[in-house]
Amino acid sequence: MSSRPAIDRLLWDEGNRDHIAKPAVLPEEAEEVIAGLPRVNETYKQRLQLVGPTLAGRMLSIVVGAVPDRPGVYYVFSARPASRKERGMYEQTKGGSHQ
């Protein structure tokens, strides 16, 4: 598990908005997870996976990557409901239960 990066802003375009719409995730939900206290894991290509709840309690898995030459700005590659395993790892890390 990685330490929390300084994510100041998410970069959205038509491509990533359309991509996360397939699993019925709204950009606002992804932003809620990022703004909260998600579990952060390093993935491939220097990307980060953040797993955490939305304000409504929906557990999501978000994959982001730093935008070159734009400190604090991250591009959203994917967002989907968290798997059972990811939810369990989040619960274990955060030491509590979430819906």
C-alpha atoms as a PDB file:
ATOM      1  CA  MET A   1       0.000   0.000   0.000  1.00  0.00           C
ATOM      2  CA  SER A   2       1.272   3.441  -0.911  1.00  0.00           C
ATOM      3  CA  SER A   3       1.011   6.739   0.967  1.00  0.00           C
ATOM      4  CA  ARG A   4      -1.661   9.157  -0.131  1.00  0.00           C
ATOM      5  CA  PRO A   5      -0.528  11.288  -3.093  1.00  0.00           C
ATOM      6  CA  ALA A   6      -1.314  14.984  -3.360  1.00  0.00           C
ATOM      7  CA  ILE A   7      -4.248  14.835  -5.788  1.00  0.00           C
ATOM      8  CA  ASP A   8      -5.497  18.376  -6.195  1.00  0.00           C
ATOM      9  CA  ARG A   9      -7.594  17.864  -9.313  1.00  0.00           C
ATOM     10  CA  LEU A  10      -8.849  15.128 -11.612  1.00  0.00           C
ATOM     11  CA  LEU A  11      -8.586  15.623 -15.357  1.00  0.00           C
ATOM     12  CA  TRP A  12     -11.723  14.689 -17.292  1.00  0.00           C
ATOM     13  CA  ASP A  13     -12.372  14.386 -21.007  1.00  0.00           C
ATOM     14  CA  GLU A  14     -15.030  12.726 -23.132  1.00  0.00           C
ATOM     15  CA  GLY A  15     -13.025   9.484 -23.256  1.00  0.00           C
ATOM     16  CA  ASN A  16     -12.737   8.850 -19.541  1.00  0.00           C
ATOM     17  CA  ARG A  17     -16.269  10.115 -18.816  1.00  0.00           C
ATOM     18  CA  ASP A  18     -17.648   7.642 -21.377  1.00  0.00           C
ATOM     19  CA  HIS A  19     -15.433   4.848 -20.025  1.00  0.00           C
ATOM     20  CA  ILE A  20     -16.643   5.160 -16.422  1.00  0.00           C
ATOM     21  CA  ALA A  21     -20.255   5.517 -17.561  1.00  0.00           C
ATOM     22  CA  LYS A  22     -20.210   1.845 -18.659  1.00  0.00           C
ATOM     23  CA  PRO A  23     -20.123   0.567 -15.048  1.00  0.00           C
ATOM     24  CA  ALA A  24     -22.516   3.425 -14.098  1.00  0.00           C
ATOM     25  CA  VAL A  25     -20.008   5.562 -12.181  1.00  0.00           C
ATOM     26  CA  LEU A  26     -20.412   9.335 -12.198  1.00  0.00           C
ATOM     27  CA  PRO A  27     -17.390  11.681 -12.254  1.00  0.00           C
ATOM     28  CA  GLU A  28     -18.712  13.244  -9.047  1.00  0.00           C
ATOM     29  CA  GLU A  29     -18.587   9.844  -7.332  1.00  0.00           C
ATOM     30  CA  ALA A  30     -14.961   9.353  -8.373  1.00  0.00           C
ATOM     31  CA  GLU A  31     -14.122  12.782  -6.993  1.00  0.00           C
ATOM     32  CA  GLU A  32     -15.837  11.928  -3.699  1.00  0.00           C
ATOM     33  CA  VAL A  33     -13.664   8.814  -3.308  1.00  0.00           C
ATOM     34  CA  ILE A  34     -10.487  10.775  -4.083  1.00  0.00           C
ATOM     35  CA  ALA A  35     -11.457  13.561  -1.645  1.00  0.00           C
ATOM     36  CA  GLY A  36     -12.101  11.042   1.134  1.00  0.00           C
ATOM     37  CA  LEU A  37      -9.659   8.646   2.742  1.00  0.00           C
ATOM     38  CA  PRO A  38      -9.259   5.875   0.162  1.00  0.00           C
ATOM     39  CA  ARG A  39      -6.918   2.903   0.319  1.00  0.00           C
ATOM     40  CA  VAL A  40      -4.092   3.663  -2.138  1.00  0.00           C
ATOM     41  CA  ASN A  41      -2.223   0.955  -4.064  1.00  0.00           C
ATOM     42  CA  GLU A  42       0.479   1.385  -6.680  1.00  0.00           C
ATOM     43  CA  THR A  43      -0.302  -0.384  -9.956  1.00  0.00           C
ATOM     44  CA  TYR A  44       1.428  -0.682 -13.320  1.00  0.00           C
ATOM     45  CA  LYS A  45       2.750   2.269 -15.373  1.00  0.00           C
ATOM     46  CA  GLN A  46       3.084   4.422 -12.217  1.00  0.00           C
ATOM     47  CA  ARG A  47      -0.679   4.538 -11.798  1.00  0.00           C
ATOM     48  CA  LEU A  48      -2.546   4.472  -8.515  1.00  0.00           C
ATOM     49  CA  GLN A  49      -5.635   2.530  -7.528  1.00  0.00           C
ATOM     50  CA  LEU A  50      -7.781   4.213  -4.903  1.00  0.00           C
ATOM     51  CA  VAL A  51     -10.533   2.237  -3.200  1.00  0.00           C
ATOM     52  CA  GLY A  52     -13.042   3.961  -0.964  1.00  0.00           C
ATOM     53  CA  PRO A  53     -16.631   5.013  -0.408  1.00  0.00           C
ATOM     54  CA  THR A  54     -18.648   7.758  -2.036  1.00  0.00           C
ATOM     55  CA  LEU A  55     -20.678  10.069   0.195  1.00  0.00           C
ATOM     56  CA  ALA A  56     -23.622   7.689  -0.356  1.00  0.00           C
ATOM     57  CA  GLY A  57     -21.488   4.729   0.817  1.00  0.00           C
ATOM     58  CA  ARG A  58     -20.936   3.120  -2.585  1.00  0.00           C
ATOM     59  CA  MET A  59     -17.475   1.482  -2.643  1.00  0.00           C
ATOM     60  CA  LEU A  60     -15.524   2.264  -5.812  1.00  0.00           C
ATOM     61  CA  SER A  61     -12.152   1.415  -7.299  1.00  0.00           C
ATOM     62  CA  ILE A  62     -10.569   4.330  -9.189  1.00  0.00           C
ATOM     63  CA  VAL A  63      -7.358   4.122 -11.255  1.00  0.00           C
ATOM     64  CA  VAL A  64      -5.543   7.404 -11.880  1.00  0.00           C
ATOM     65  CA  GLY A  65      -2.221   8.514 -13.306  1.00  0.00           C
ATOM     66  CA  ALA A  66      -0.258  11.718 -12.836  1.00  0.00           C
ATOM     67  CA  VAL A  67      -0.478  14.182 -15.707  1.00  0.00           C
ATOM     68  CA  PRO A  68       3.080  15.037 -16.851  1.00  0.00           C
ATOM     69  CA  ASP A  69       4.237  18.567 -16.025  1.00  0.00           C
ATOM     70  CA  ARG A  70       1.058  19.286 -14.007  1.00  0.00           C
ATOM     71  CA  PRO A  71       1.734  18.650 -10.310  1.00  0.00           C
ATOM     72  CA  GLY A  72      -1.313  17.478  -8.373  1.00  0.00           C
ATOM     73  CA  VAL A  73      -3.366  16.790 -11.533  1.00  0.00           C
ATOM     74  CA  TYR A  74      -4.356  13.179 -12.230  1.00  0.00           C
ATOM     75  CA  TYR A  75      -6.119  11.581 -15.198  1.00  0.00           C
ATOM     76  CA  VAL A  76      -8.858   9.054 -14.425  1.00  0.00           C
ATOM     77  CA  PHE A  77      -8.253   5.844 -16.386  1.00  0.00           C
ATOM     78  CA  SER A  78     -11.054   3.807 -14.867  1.00  0.00           C
ATOM     79  CA  ALA A  79     -13.700   3.771 -12.152  1.00  0.00           C
ATOM     80  CA  ARG A  80     -15.958   0.884 -11.220  1.00  0.00           C
ATOM     81  CA  PRO A  81     -17.638  -0.703  -8.215  1.00  0.00           C
ATOM     82  CA  ALA A  82     -15.013  -2.233  -5.922  1.00  0.00           C
ATOM     83  CA  SER A  83     -14.763  -6.023  -5.936  1.00  0.00           C
ATOM     84  CA  ARG A  84     -15.512  -8.043  -2.819  1.00  0.00           C
ATOM     85  CA  LYS A  85     -11.766  -8.539  -2.314  1.00  0.00           C
ATOM     86  CA  GLU A  86     -11.064  -4.787  -2.690  1.00  0.00           C
ATOM     87  CA  ARG A  87     -13.858  -3.940  -0.241  1.00  0.00           C
ATOM     88  CA  GLY A  88     -12.408  -6.428   2.249  1.00  0.00           C
ATOM     89  CA  MET A  89      -8.908  -4.964   1.915  1.00  0.00           C
ATOM     90  CA  TYR A  90     -10.338  -1.465   2.424  1.00  0.00           C
ATOM     91  CA  GLU A  91     -12.160  -2.599   5.561  1.00  0.00           C
ATOM     92  CA  GLN A  92      -9.039  -4.313   6.893  1.00  0.00           C
ATOM     93  CA  THR A  93      -6.932  -1.201   6.272  1.00  0.00           C
ATOM     94  CA  LYS A  94      -9.453   1.258   7.693  1.00  0.00           C
ATOM     95  CA  GLY A  95     -10.374  -0.932  10.652  1.00  0.00           C
ATOM     96  CA  GLY A  96     -14.121  -0.538  10.415  1.00  0.00           C
ATOM     97  CA  SER A  97     -17.156  -1.510   8.426  1.00  0.00           C
ATOM     98  CA  HIS A  98     -18.645   0.346   5.510  1.00  0.00           C
ATOM     99  CA  GLN A  99     -21.693  -0.442   3.483  1.00  0.00           C
END
